[in-house]
Amino acid sequence: MPFRHQTRTAPLPSLTSGEWRDVQAAVRAVQHSACPHAQYPGALHRSLARIGRLMPGVRARNAAPVSPELEPLRDFLCESARHGPHLDELAEQLEHQGYSPAQIAALSFIAG
C-alpha cells in the first residue's frame, strides 16, 4: 500500500459515523502516550492538542505507557505527525489489525 505518497494531498476521507467513532476511540486509546524516538518530546501531544476542536475530549497530558497491541497505532500517529519514512509499513500493520484504508487516512489526517 503506497500510503505515504497517497495521503500527502488527499482530502479528509469520507467515513460512516461508526467508522469515525472507531477512529476517535483509537486516538483516545493512545492520547496519553509519547512518541518513541522523537526528536523532540510531545509531537503526538501537540498534534492531539491541534485536533481538540475536531474531536472534543482529546487533550494532551503527561506521557503514559501504551499496551503492545496499541503500539502500531501510536507509532503511526507519531510518524504521520512528523511525516516520517515508515508510514507505509505502519499503515500495513494497522490494516492487519482491522482498520480500513479510509480510517488509516483519517488517522493520518488527524495527526497532521
PDB file of N, CA and C in Angstrom:
ATOM      1  N   MET A   1       0.839  -1.186   0.000  1.00  0.00           N
ATOM      2  CA  MET A   1       0.000   0.000   0.000  1.00  0.00           C
ATOM      3  C   MET A   1       0.882   1.248   0.000  1.00  0.00           C
ATOM      4  N   PRO A   2       0.864   2.043  -1.061  1.00  0.00           N
ATOM      5  CA  PRO A   2       1.692   3.255  -1.107  1.00  0.00           C
ATOM      6  C   PRO A   2       1.052   4.386  -0.319  1.00  0.00           C
ATOM      7  N   PHE A   3       0.940   4.209   0.956  1.00  0.00           N
ATOM      8  CA  PHE A   3       0.182   5.122   1.800  1.00  0.00           C
ATOM      9  C   PHE A   3       0.828   6.491   1.920  1.00  0.00           C
ATOM     10  N   ARG A   4       2.107   6.524   2.127  1.00  0.00           N
ATOM     11  CA  ARG A   4       2.811   7.778   2.415  1.00  0.00           C
ATOM     12  C   ARG A   4       2.604   8.810   1.315  1.00  0.00           C
ATOM     13  N   HIS A   5       2.730   8.405   0.079  1.00  0.00           N
ATOM     14  CA  HIS A   5       2.613   9.352  -1.029  1.00  0.00           C
ATOM     15  C   HIS A   5       1.156   9.640  -1.365  1.00  0.00           C
ATOM     16  N   GLN A   6       0.305   8.709  -1.112  1.00  0.00           N
ATOM     17  CA  GLN A   6      -1.104   8.832  -1.443  1.00  0.00           C
ATOM     18  C   GLN A   6      -1.812   9.880  -0.581  1.00  0.00           C
ATOM     19  N   THR A   7      -1.417  10.036   0.672  1.00  0.00           N
ATOM     20  CA  THR A   7      -2.161  10.893   1.592  1.00  0.00           C
ATOM     21  C   THR A   7      -1.611  12.296   1.732  1.00  0.00           C
ATOM     22  N   ARG A   8      -0.519  12.596   1.100  1.00  0.00           N
ATOM     23  CA  ARG A   8       0.072  13.922   1.258  1.00  0.00           C
ATOM     24  C   ARG A   8      -0.892  15.040   0.876  1.00  0.00           C
ATOM     25  N   THR A   9      -1.640  14.842  -0.207  1.00  0.00           N
ATOM     26  CA  THR A   9      -2.546  15.893  -0.668  1.00  0.00           C
ATOM     27  C   THR A   9      -3.999  15.443  -0.656  1.00  0.00           C
ATOM     28  N   ALA A  10      -4.260  14.306  -0.075  1.00  0.00           N
ATOM     29  CA  ALA A  10      -5.617  13.759  -0.081  1.00  0.00           C
ATOM     30  C   ALA A  10      -6.531  14.550   0.856  1.00  0.00           C
ATOM     31  N   PRO A  11      -7.796  14.721   0.457  1.00  0.00           N
ATOM     32  CA  PRO A  11      -8.757  15.379   1.343  1.00  0.00           C
ATOM     33  C   PRO A  11      -9.164  14.437   2.478  1.00  0.00           C
ATOM     34  N   LEU A  12      -9.859  14.973   3.439  1.00  0.00           N
ATOM     35  CA  LEU A  12     -10.363  14.170   4.555  1.00  0.00           C
ATOM     36  C   LEU A  12     -11.247  13.059   3.997  1.00  0.00           C
ATOM     37  N   PRO A  13     -10.965  11.813   4.366  1.00  0.00           N
ATOM     38  CA  PRO A  13     -11.752  10.703   3.824  1.00  0.00           C
ATOM     39  C   PRO A  13     -13.192  10.712   4.327  1.00  0.00           C
ATOM     40  N   SER A  14     -14.050  10.126   3.532  1.00  0.00           N
ATOM     41  CA  SER A  14     -15.459  10.015   3.901  1.00  0.00           C
ATOM     42  C   SER A  14     -15.655   8.720   4.683  1.00  0.00           C
ATOM     43  N   LEU A  15     -16.071   8.845   5.939  1.00  0.00           N
ATOM     44  CA  LEU A  15     -16.290   7.692   6.803  1.00  0.00           C
ATOM     45  C   LEU A  15     -17.725   7.710   7.322  1.00  0.00           C
ATOM     46  N   THR A  16     -18.222   6.539   7.641  1.00  0.00           N
ATOM     47  CA  THR A  16     -19.531   6.461   8.287  1.00  0.00           C
ATOM     48  C   THR A  16     -19.375   6.944   9.729  1.00  0.00           C
ATOM     49  N   SER A  17     -20.471   7.201  10.384  1.00  0.00           N
ATOM     50  CA  SER A  17     -20.386   7.644  11.780  1.00  0.00           C
ATOM     51  C   SER A  17     -19.749   6.563  12.646  1.00  0.00           C
ATOM     52  N   GLY A  18     -20.018   5.300  12.357  1.00  0.00           N
ATOM     53  CA  GLY A  18     -19.397   4.204  13.110  1.00  0.00           C
ATOM     54  C   GLY A  18     -17.896   4.150  12.903  1.00  0.00           C
ATOM     55  N   GLU A  19     -17.450   4.385  11.667  1.00  0.00           N
ATOM     56  CA  GLU A  19     -16.009   4.401  11.398  1.00  0.00           C
ATOM     57  C   GLU A  19     -15.338   5.570  12.110  1.00  0.00           C
ATOM     58  N   TRP A  20     -16.013   6.731  12.150  1.00  0.00           N
ATOM     59  CA  TRP A  20     -15.450   7.872  12.877  1.00  0.00           C
ATOM     60  C   TRP A  20     -15.375   7.570  14.365  1.00  0.00           C
ATOM     61  N   ARG A  21     -16.386   6.902  14.914  1.00  0.00           N
ATOM     62  CA  ARG A  21     -16.340   6.535  16.341  1.00  0.00           C
ATOM     63  C   ARG A  21     -15.146   5.629  16.615  1.00  0.00           C
ATOM     64  N   ASP A  22     -14.874   4.698  15.700  1.00  0.00           N
ATOM     65  CA  ASP A  22     -13.720   3.812  15.869  1.00  0.00           C
ATOM     66  C   ASP A  22     -12.410   4.594  15.814  1.00  0.00           C
ATOM     67  N   VAL A  23     -12.330   5.558  14.903  1.00  0.00           N
ATOM     68  CA  VAL A  23     -11.129   6.394  14.802  1.00  0.00           C
ATOM     69  C   VAL A  23     -10.960   7.203  16.087  1.00  0.00           C
ATOM     70  N   GLN A  24     -12.041   7.804  16.583  1.00  0.00           N
ATOM     71  CA  GLN A  24     -11.971   8.568  17.821  1.00  0.00           C
ATOM     72  C   GLN A  24     -11.534   7.687  18.989  1.00  0.00           C
ATOM     73  N   ALA A  25     -12.090   6.500  19.081  1.00  0.00           N
ATOM     74  CA  ALA A  25     -11.721   5.581  20.159  1.00  0.00           C
ATOM     75  C   ALA A  25     -10.250   5.206  20.066  1.00  0.00           C
ATOM     76  N   ALA A  26      -9.764   5.011  18.851  1.00  0.00           N
ATOM     77  CA  ALA A  26      -8.357   4.653  18.658  1.00  0.00           C
ATOM     78  C   ALA A  26      -7.449   5.784  19.124  1.00  0.00           C
ATOM     79  N   VAL A  27      -7.770   7.002  18.730  1.00  0.00           N
ATOM     80  CA  VAL A  27      -6.948   8.141  19.129  1.00  0.00           C
ATOM     81  C   VAL A  27      -6.997   8.327  20.636  1.00  0.00           C
ATOM     82  N   ARG A  28      -8.159   8.190  21.216  1.00  0.00           N
ATOM     83  CA  ARG A  28      -8.275   8.336  22.675  1.00  0.00           C
ATOM     84  C   ARG A  28      -7.484   7.254  23.407  1.00  0.00           C
ATOM     85  N   ALA A  29      -7.381   6.072  22.812  1.00  0.00           N
ATOM     86  CA  ALA A  29      -6.663   4.974  23.458  1.00  0.00           C
ATOM     87  C   ALA A  29      -5.174   5.265  23.600  1.00  0.00           C
ATOM     88  N   VAL A  30      -4.630   6.087  22.716  1.00  0.00           N
ATOM     89  CA  VAL A  30      -3.191   6.378  22.771  1.00  0.00           C
ATOM     90  C   VAL A  30      -2.894   7.848  23.060  1.00  0.00           C
ATOM     91  N   GLN A  31      -3.908   8.608  23.408  1.00  0.00           N
ATOM     92  CA  GLN A  31      -3.724  10.055  23.543  1.00  0.00           C
ATOM     93  C   GLN A  31      -2.737  10.460  24.632  1.00  0.00           C
ATOM     94  N   HIS A  32      -2.499   9.633  25.607  1.00  0.00           N
ATOM     95  CA  HIS A  32      -1.597   9.997  26.693  1.00  0.00           C
ATOM     96  C   HIS A  32      -0.209   9.393  26.536  1.00  0.00           C
ATOM     97  N   SER A  33       0.057   8.784  25.395  1.00  0.00           N
ATOM     98  CA  SER A  33       1.369   8.172  25.184  1.00  0.00           C
ATOM     99  C   SER A  33       2.311   9.169  24.521  1.00  0.00           C
ATOM    100  N   ALA A  34       3.587   8.840  24.576  1.00  0.00           N
ATOM    101  CA  ALA A  34       4.603   9.686  23.957  1.00  0.00           C
ATOM    102  C   ALA A  34       5.171   8.973  22.738  1.00  0.00           C
ATOM    103  N   CYS A  35       5.632   9.745  21.789  1.00  0.00           N
ATOM    104  CA  CYS A  35       6.225   9.157  20.590  1.00  0.00           C
ATOM    105  C   CYS A  35       7.598   8.592  20.924  1.00  0.00           C
ATOM    106  N   PRO A  36       7.849   7.338  20.553  1.00  0.00           N
ATOM    107  CA  PRO A  36       9.174   6.772  20.791  1.00  0.00           C
ATOM    108  C   PRO A  36      10.175   7.365  19.802  1.00  0.00           C
ATOM    109  N   HIS A  37      11.381   7.551  20.226  1.00  0.00           N
ATOM    110  CA  HIS A  37      12.465   8.025  19.366  1.00  0.00           C
ATOM    111  C   HIS A  37      12.152   9.374  18.740  1.00  0.00           C
ATOM    112  N   ALA A  38      11.372  10.191  19.421  1.00  0.00           N
ATOM    113  CA  ALA A  38      11.035  11.511  18.881  1.00  0.00           C
ATOM    114  C   ALA A  38      12.236  12.431  18.980  1.00  0.00           C
ATOM    115  N   GLN A  39      12.400  13.265  17.980  1.00  0.00           N
ATOM    116  CA  GLN A  39      13.477  14.241  18.021  1.00  0.00           C
ATOM    117  C   GLN A  39      13.189  15.309  19.065  1.00  0.00           C
ATOM    118  N   TYR A  40      11.935  15.497  19.347  1.00  0.00           N
ATOM    119  CA  TYR A  40      11.531  16.441  20.383  1.00  0.00           C
ATOM    120  C   TYR A  40      10.340  15.826  21.097  1.00  0.00           C
ATOM    121  N   PRO A  41      10.218  16.026  22.390  1.00  0.00           N
ATOM    122  CA  PRO A  41       9.130  15.400  23.134  1.00  0.00           C
ATOM    123  C   PRO A  41       7.779  16.014  22.800  1.00  0.00           C
ATOM    124  N   GLY A  42       6.782  15.194  22.839  1.00  0.00           N
ATOM    125  CA  GLY A  42       5.431  15.697  22.754  1.00  0.00           C
ATOM    126  C   GLY A  42       4.854  15.905  21.374  1.00  0.00           C
ATOM    127  N   ALA A  43       5.431  15.311  20.317  1.00  0.00           N
ATOM    128  CA  ALA A  43       4.891  15.503  18.966  1.00  0.00           C
ATOM    129  C   ALA A  43       3.443  15.044  18.893  1.00  0.00           C
ATOM    130  N   LEU A  44       3.160  13.881  19.430  1.00  0.00           N
ATOM    131  CA  LEU A  44       1.790  13.387  19.418  1.00  0.00           C
ATOM    132  C   LEU A  44       0.897  14.274  20.271  1.00  0.00           C
ATOM    133  N   HIS A  45       1.419  14.748  21.401  1.00  0.00           N
ATOM    134  CA  HIS A  45       0.619  15.616  22.270  1.00  0.00           C
ATOM    135  C   HIS A  45       0.241  16.899  21.550  1.00  0.00           C
ATOM    136  N   ARG A  46       1.189  17.482  20.820  1.00  0.00           N
ATOM    137  CA  ARG A  46       0.889  18.715  20.097  1.00  0.00           C
ATOM    138  C   ARG A  46      -0.124  18.455  18.988  1.00  0.00           C
ATOM    139  N   SER A  47       0.011  17.342  18.297  1.00  0.00           N
ATOM    140  CA  SER A  47      -0.956  17.002  17.245  1.00  0.00           C
ATOM    141  C   SER A  47      -2.338  16.823  17.839  1.00  0.00           C
ATOM    142  N   LEU A  48      -2.422  16.127  18.956  1.00  0.00           N
ATOM    143  CA  LEU A  48      -3.714  15.914  19.594  1.00  0.00           C
ATOM    144  C   LEU A  48      -4.303  17.233  20.100  1.00  0.00           C
ATOM    145  N   ALA A  49      -3.475  18.124  20.571  1.00  0.00           N
ATOM    146  CA  ALA A  49      -3.978  19.414  21.031  1.00  0.00           C
ATOM    147  C   ALA A  49      -4.574  20.197  19.866  1.00  0.00           C
ATOM    148  N   ARG A  50      -3.946  20.078  18.679  1.00  0.00           N
ATOM    149  CA  ARG A  50      -4.452  20.783  17.493  1.00  0.00           C
ATOM    150  C   ARG A  50      -5.803  20.258  17.060  1.00  0.00           C
ATOM    151  N   ILE A  51      -6.061  18.988  17.297  1.00  0.00           N
ATOM    152  CA  ILE A  51      -7.315  18.420  16.812  1.00  0.00           C
ATOM    153  C   ILE A  51      -8.413  18.446  17.861  1.00  0.00           C
ATOM    154  N   GLY A  52      -8.178  19.076  18.974  1.00  0.00           N
ATOM    155  CA  GLY A  52      -9.193  19.147  20.023  1.00  0.00           C
ATOM    156  C   GLY A  52     -10.515  19.686  19.529  1.00  0.00           C
ATOM    157  N   ARG A  53     -10.450  20.604  18.580  1.00  0.00           N
ATOM    158  CA  ARG A  53     -11.701  21.165  18.061  1.00  0.00           C
ATOM    159  C   ARG A  53     -12.434  20.169  17.169  1.00  0.00           C
ATOM    160  N   LEU A  54     -11.724  19.209  16.557  1.00  0.00           N
ATOM    161  CA  LEU A  54     -12.360  18.195  15.726  1.00  0.00           C
ATOM    162  C   LEU A  54     -12.923  17.052  16.572  1.00  0.00           C
ATOM    163  N   MET A  55     -12.230  16.738  17.646  1.00  0.00           N
ATOM    164  CA  MET A  55     -12.618  15.613  18.494  1.00  0.00           C
ATOM    165  C   MET A  55     -12.653  16.067  19.942  1.00  0.00           C
ATOM    166  N   PRO A  56     -13.760  16.598  20.396  1.00  0.00           N
ATOM    167  CA  PRO A  56     -13.836  17.080  21.776  1.00  0.00           C
ATOM    168  C   PRO A  56     -13.447  15.987  22.774  1.00  0.00           C
ATOM    169  N   GLY A  57     -12.737  16.389  23.783  1.00  0.00           N
ATOM    170  CA  GLY A  57     -12.329  15.440  24.816  1.00  0.00           C
ATOM    171  C   GLY A  57     -10.918  14.925  24.647  1.00  0.00           C
ATOM    172  N   VAL A  58     -10.284  15.159  23.500  1.00  0.00           N
ATOM    173  CA  VAL A  58      -8.908  14.709  23.283  1.00  0.00           C
ATOM    174  C   VAL A  58      -7.984  15.833  23.736  1.00  0.00           C
ATOM    175  N   ARG A  59      -7.253  15.594  24.772  1.00  0.00           N
ATOM    176  CA  ARG A  59      -6.347  16.594  25.325  1.00  0.00           C
ATOM    177  C   ARG A  59      -5.006  15.933  25.641  1.00  0.00           C
ATOM    178  N   ALA A  60      -3.928  16.692  25.516  1.00  0.00           N
ATOM    179  CA  ALA A  60      -2.604  16.186  25.838  1.00  0.00           C
ATOM    180  C   ALA A  60      -2.399  16.193  27.358  1.00  0.00           C
ATOM    181  N   ARG A  61      -1.768  15.155  27.863  1.00  0.00           N
ATOM    182  CA  ARG A  61      -1.420  15.056  29.279  1.00  0.00           C
ATOM    183  C   ARG A  61      -0.033  14.453  29.391  1.00  0.00           C
ATOM    184  N   ASN A  62       0.388  14.152  30.607  1.00  0.00           N
ATOM    185  CA  ASN A  62       1.681  13.524  30.797  1.00  0.00           C
ATOM    186  C   ASN A  62       1.710  12.178  30.085  1.00  0.00           C
ATOM    187  N   ALA A  63       2.885  11.825  29.555  1.00  0.00           N
ATOM    188  CA  ALA A  63       3.040  10.592  28.793  1.00  0.00           C
ATOM    189  C   ALA A  63       2.798   9.366  29.667  1.00  0.00           C
ATOM    190  N   ALA A  64       2.119   8.390  29.092  1.00  0.00           N
ATOM    191  CA  ALA A  64       1.839   7.129  29.772  1.00  0.00           C
ATOM    192  C   ALA A  64       2.223   5.989  28.835  1.00  0.00           C
ATOM    193  N   PRO A  65       2.579   4.847  29.385  1.00  0.00           N
ATOM    194  CA  PRO A  65       2.906   3.711  28.513  1.00  0.00           C
ATOM    195  C   PRO A  65       1.655   3.232  27.776  1.00  0.00           C
ATOM    196  N   VAL A  66       1.874   2.600  26.652  1.00  0.00           N
ATOM    197  CA  VAL A  66       0.773   2.097  25.841  1.00  0.00           C
ATOM    198  C   VAL A  66       0.909   0.574  25.737  1.00  0.00           C
ATOM    199  N   SER A  67      -0.212  -0.119  25.665  1.00  0.00           N
ATOM    200  CA  SER A  67      -0.166  -1.578  25.574  1.00  0.00           C
ATOM    201  C   SER A  67       0.425  -1.999  24.225  1.00  0.00           C
ATOM    202  N   PRO A  68       1.044  -3.177  24.163  1.00  0.00           N
ATOM    203  CA  PRO A  68       1.709  -3.627  22.930  1.00  0.00           C
ATOM    204  C   PRO A  68       0.801  -3.643  21.701  1.00  0.00           C
ATOM    205  N   GLU A  69      -0.471  -3.978  21.870  1.00  0.00           N
ATOM    206  CA  GLU A  69      -1.352  -4.020  20.699  1.00  0.00           C
ATOM    207  C   GLU A  69      -1.669  -2.625  20.156  1.00  0.00           C
ATOM    208  N   LEU A  70      -1.442  -1.579  20.958  1.00  0.00           N
ATOM    209  CA  LEU A  70      -1.681  -0.211  20.504  1.00  0.00           C
ATOM    210  C   LEU A  70      -0.413   0.485  20.001  1.00  0.00           C
ATOM    211  N   GLU A  71       0.732  -0.177  20.114  1.00  0.00           N
ATOM    212  CA  GLU A  71       1.979   0.442  19.675  1.00  0.00           C
ATOM    213  C   GLU A  71       1.982   0.793  18.184  1.00  0.00           C
ATOM    214  N   PRO A  72       1.481  -0.081  17.288  1.00  0.00           N
ATOM    215  CA  PRO A  72       1.453   0.322  15.869  1.00  0.00           C
ATOM    216  C   PRO A  72       0.614   1.572  15.627  1.00  0.00           C
ATOM    217  N   LEU A  73      -0.486   1.694  16.329  1.00  0.00           N
ATOM    218  CA  LEU A  73      -1.338   2.874  16.196  1.00  0.00           C
ATOM    219  C   LEU A  73      -0.600   4.116  16.675  1.00  0.00           C
ATOM    220  N   ARG A  74      -0.019   4.044  17.853  1.00  0.00           N
ATOM    221  CA  ARG A  74       0.746   5.177  18.389  1.00  0.00           C
ATOM    222  C   ARG A  74       1.884   5.547  17.449  1.00  0.00           C
ATOM    223  N   ASP A  75       2.623   4.540  16.982  1.00  0.00           N
ATOM    224  CA  ASP A  75       3.755   4.798  16.094  1.00  0.00           C
ATOM    225  C   ASP A  75       3.296   5.411  14.774  1.00  0.00           C
ATOM    226  N   PHE A  76       2.152   4.949  14.255  1.00  0.00           N
ATOM    227  CA  PHE A  76       1.621   5.505  13.021  1.00  0.00           C
ATOM    228  C   PHE A  76       1.257   6.976  13.208  1.00  0.00           C
ATOM    229  N   LEU A  77       0.596   7.311  14.309  1.00  0.00           N
ATOM    230  CA  LEU A  77       0.242   8.701  14.571  1.00  0.00           C
ATOM    231  C   LEU A  77       1.489   9.567  14.715  1.00  0.00           C
ATOM    232  N   CYS A  78       2.502   9.043  15.367  1.00  0.00           N
ATOM    233  CA  CYS A  78       3.755   9.788  15.526  1.00  0.00           C
ATOM    234  C   CYS A  78       4.429  10.013  14.180  1.00  0.00           C
ATOM    235  N   GLU A  79       4.515   8.961  13.368  1.00  0.00           N
ATOM    236  CA  GLU A  79       5.130   9.079  12.044  1.00  0.00           C
ATOM    237  C   GLU A  79       4.343  10.034  11.163  1.00  0.00           C
ATOM    238  N   SER A  80       3.027   9.993  11.265  1.00  0.00           N
ATOM    239  CA  SER A  80       2.194  10.896  10.474  1.00  0.00           C
ATOM    240  C   SER A  80       2.418  12.345  10.881  1.00  0.00           C
ATOM    241  N   ALA A  81       2.553  12.576  12.177  1.00  0.00           N
ATOM    242  CA  ALA A  81       2.748  13.936  12.677  1.00  0.00           C
ATOM    243  C   ALA A  81       4.060  14.529  12.181  1.00  0.00           C
ATOM    244  N   ARG A  82       5.064  13.694  12.017  1.00  0.00           N
ATOM    245  CA  ARG A  82       6.360  14.210  11.571  1.00  0.00           C
ATOM    246  C   ARG A  82       6.663  13.853  10.122  1.00  0.00           C
ATOM    247  N   HIS A  83       5.662  13.274   9.419  1.00  0.00           N
ATOM    248  CA  HIS A  83       5.798  12.872   8.017  1.00  0.00           C
ATOM    249  C   HIS A  83       7.017  11.959   7.845  1.00  0.00           C
ATOM    250  N   GLY A  84       7.117  10.988   8.744  1.00  0.00           N
ATOM    251  CA  GLY A  84       8.248  10.069   8.769  1.00  0.00           C
ATOM    252  C   GLY A  84       8.244   9.063   7.634  1.00  0.00           C
ATOM    253  N   PRO A  85       9.360   8.371   7.468  1.00  0.00           N
ATOM    254  CA  PRO A  85       9.535   7.457   6.341  1.00  0.00           C
ATOM    255  C   PRO A  85       8.875   6.085   6.504  1.00  0.00           C
ATOM    256  N   HIS A  86       8.355   5.751   7.666  1.00  0.00           N
ATOM    257  CA  HIS A  86       7.846   4.403   7.911  1.00  0.00           C
ATOM    258  C   HIS A  86       6.324   4.308   7.851  1.00  0.00           C
ATOM    259  N   LEU A  87       5.668   5.274   7.253  1.00  0.00           N
ATOM    260  CA  LEU A  87       4.205   5.280   7.222  1.00  0.00           C
ATOM    261  C   LEU A  87       3.623   4.073   6.504  1.00  0.00           C
ATOM    262  N   ASP A  88       4.226   3.666   5.399  1.00  0.00           N
ATOM    263  CA  ASP A  88       3.672   2.547   4.635  1.00  0.00           C
ATOM    264  C   ASP A  88       3.628   1.267   5.459  1.00  0.00           C
ATOM    265  N   GLU A  89       4.725   0.938   6.099  1.00  0.00           N
ATOM    266  CA  GLU A  89       4.751  -0.313   6.875  1.00  0.00           C
ATOM    267  C   GLU A  89       3.841  -0.225   8.103  1.00  0.00           C
ATOM    268  N   LEU A  90       3.754   0.934   8.718  1.00  0.00           N
ATOM    269  CA  LEU A  90       2.848   1.093   9.858  1.00  0.00           C
ATOM    270  C   LEU A  90       1.397   1.051   9.413  1.00  0.00           C
ATOM    271  N   ALA A  91       1.094   1.616   8.239  1.00  0.00           N
ATOM    272  CA  ALA A  91      -0.266   1.544   7.702  1.00  0.00           C
ATOM    273  C   ALA A  91      -0.660   0.094   7.429  1.00  0.00           C
ATOM    274  N   GLU A  92       0.269  -0.702   6.934  1.00  0.00           N
ATOM    275  CA  GLU A  92       0.001  -2.125   6.700  1.00  0.00           C
ATOM    276  C   GLU A  92      -0.293  -2.845   8.011  1.00  0.00           C
ATOM    277  N   GLN A  93       0.444  -2.506   9.063  1.00  0.00           N
ATOM    278  CA  GLN A  93       0.191  -3.114  10.362  1.00  0.00           C
ATOM    279  C   GLN A  93      -1.208  -2.769  10.851  1.00  0.00           C
ATOM    280  N   LEU A  94      -1.623  -1.529  10.637  1.00  0.00           N
ATOM    281  CA  LEU A  94      -2.971  -1.132  11.057  1.00  0.00           C
ATOM    282  C   LEU A  94      -4.031  -1.858  10.238  1.00  0.00           C
ATOM    283  N   GLU A  95      -3.774  -2.067   8.951  1.00  0.00           N
ATOM    284  CA  GLU A  95      -4.717  -2.828   8.127  1.00  0.00           C
ATOM    285  C   GLU A  95      -4.857  -4.255   8.653  1.00  0.00           C
ATOM    286  N   HIS A  96      -3.746  -4.844   9.060  1.00  0.00           N
ATOM    287  CA  HIS A  96      -3.791  -6.203   9.629  1.00  0.00           C
ATOM    288  C   HIS A  96      -4.561  -6.232  10.948  1.00  0.00           C
ATOM    289  N   GLN A  97      -4.630  -5.103  11.634  1.00  0.00           N
ATOM    290  CA  GLN A  97      -5.394  -5.021  12.879  1.00  0.00           C
ATOM    291  C   GLN A  97      -6.875  -4.732  12.626  1.00  0.00           C
ATOM    292  N   GLY A  98      -7.246  -4.503  11.367  1.00  0.00           N
ATOM    293  CA  GLY A  98      -8.651  -4.323  11.041  1.00  0.00           C
ATOM    294  C   GLY A  98      -9.084  -2.919  10.657  1.00  0.00           C
ATOM    295  N   TYR A  99      -8.158  -1.981  10.604  1.00  0.00           N
ATOM    296  CA  TYR A  99      -8.505  -0.627  10.175  1.00  0.00           C
ATOM    297  C   TYR A  99      -8.661  -0.601   8.660  1.00  0.00           C
ATOM    298  N   SER A 100      -9.650   0.143   8.187  1.00  0.00           N
ATOM    299  CA  SER A 100      -9.844   0.291   6.740  1.00  0.00           C
ATOM    300  C   SER A 100      -8.863   1.341   6.215  1.00  0.00           C
ATOM    301  N   PRO A 101      -8.577   1.328   4.909  1.00  0.00           N
ATOM    302  CA  PRO A 101      -7.709   2.370   4.354  1.00  0.00           C
ATOM    303  C   PRO A 101      -8.248   3.779   4.623  1.00  0.00           C
ATOM    304  N   ALA A 102      -9.553   3.958   4.588  1.00  0.00           N
ATOM    305  CA  ALA A 102     -10.130   5.274   4.872  1.00  0.00           C
ATOM    306  C   ALA A 102      -9.897   5.675   6.329  1.00  0.00           C
ATOM    307  N   GLN A 103     -10.008   4.736   7.244  1.00  0.00           N
ATOM    308  CA  GLN A 103      -9.754   5.041   8.656  1.00  0.00           C
ATOM    309  C   GLN A 103      -8.279   5.390   8.867  1.00  0.00           C
ATOM    310  N   ILE A 104      -7.412   4.683   8.187  1.00  0.00           N
ATOM    311  CA  ILE A 104      -5.969   4.968   8.299  1.00  0.00           C
ATOM    312  C   ILE A 104      -5.682   6.355   7.749  1.00  0.00           C
ATOM    313  N   ALA A 105      -6.299   6.697   6.640  1.00  0.00           N
ATOM    314  CA  ALA A 105      -6.127   8.037   6.078  1.00  0.00           C
ATOM    315  C   ALA A 105      -6.647   9.096   7.039  1.00  0.00           C
ATOM    316  N   ALA A 106      -7.766   8.831   7.701  1.00  0.00           N
ATOM    317  CA  ALA A 106      -8.310   9.774   8.675  1.00  0.00           C
ATOM    318  C   ALA A 106      -7.353   9.931   9.859  1.00  0.00           C
ATOM    319  N   LEU A 107      -6.759   8.841  10.318  1.00  0.00           N
ATOM    320  CA  LEU A 107      -5.802   8.906  11.418  1.00  0.00           C
ATOM    321  C   LEU A 107      -4.592   9.770  11.008  1.00  0.00           C
ATOM    322  N   SER A 108      -4.134   9.583   9.789  1.00  0.00           N
ATOM    323  CA  SER A 108      -3.012  10.373   9.306  1.00  0.00           C
ATOM    324  C   SER A 108      -3.375  11.851   9.203  1.00  0.00           C
ATOM    325  N   PHE A 109      -4.567  12.114   8.715  1.00  0.00           N
ATOM    326  CA  PHE A 109      -5.046  13.498   8.603  1.00  0.00           C
ATOM    327  C   PHE A 109      -5.123  14.147   9.987  1.00  0.00           C
ATOM    328  N   ILE A 110      -5.639  13.420  10.954  1.00  0.00           N
ATOM    329  CA  ILE A 110      -5.779  13.934  12.314  1.00  0.00           C
ATOM    330  C   ILE A 110      -4.415  14.236  12.930  1.00  0.00           C
ATOM    331  N   ALA A 111      -3.454  13.353  12.683  1.00  0.00           N
ATOM    332  CA  ALA A 111      -2.133  13.525  13.283  1.00  0.00           C
ATOM    333  C   ALA A 111      -1.369  14.698  12.692  1.00  0.00           C
ATOM    334  N   GLY A 112      -1.740  15.109  11.498  1.00  0.00           N
ATOM    335  CA  GLY A 112      -1.126  16.303  10.931  1.00  0.00           C
ATOM    336  C   GLY A 112      -0.187  16.008   9.833  1.00  0.00           C
TER     337      GLY A 112
END
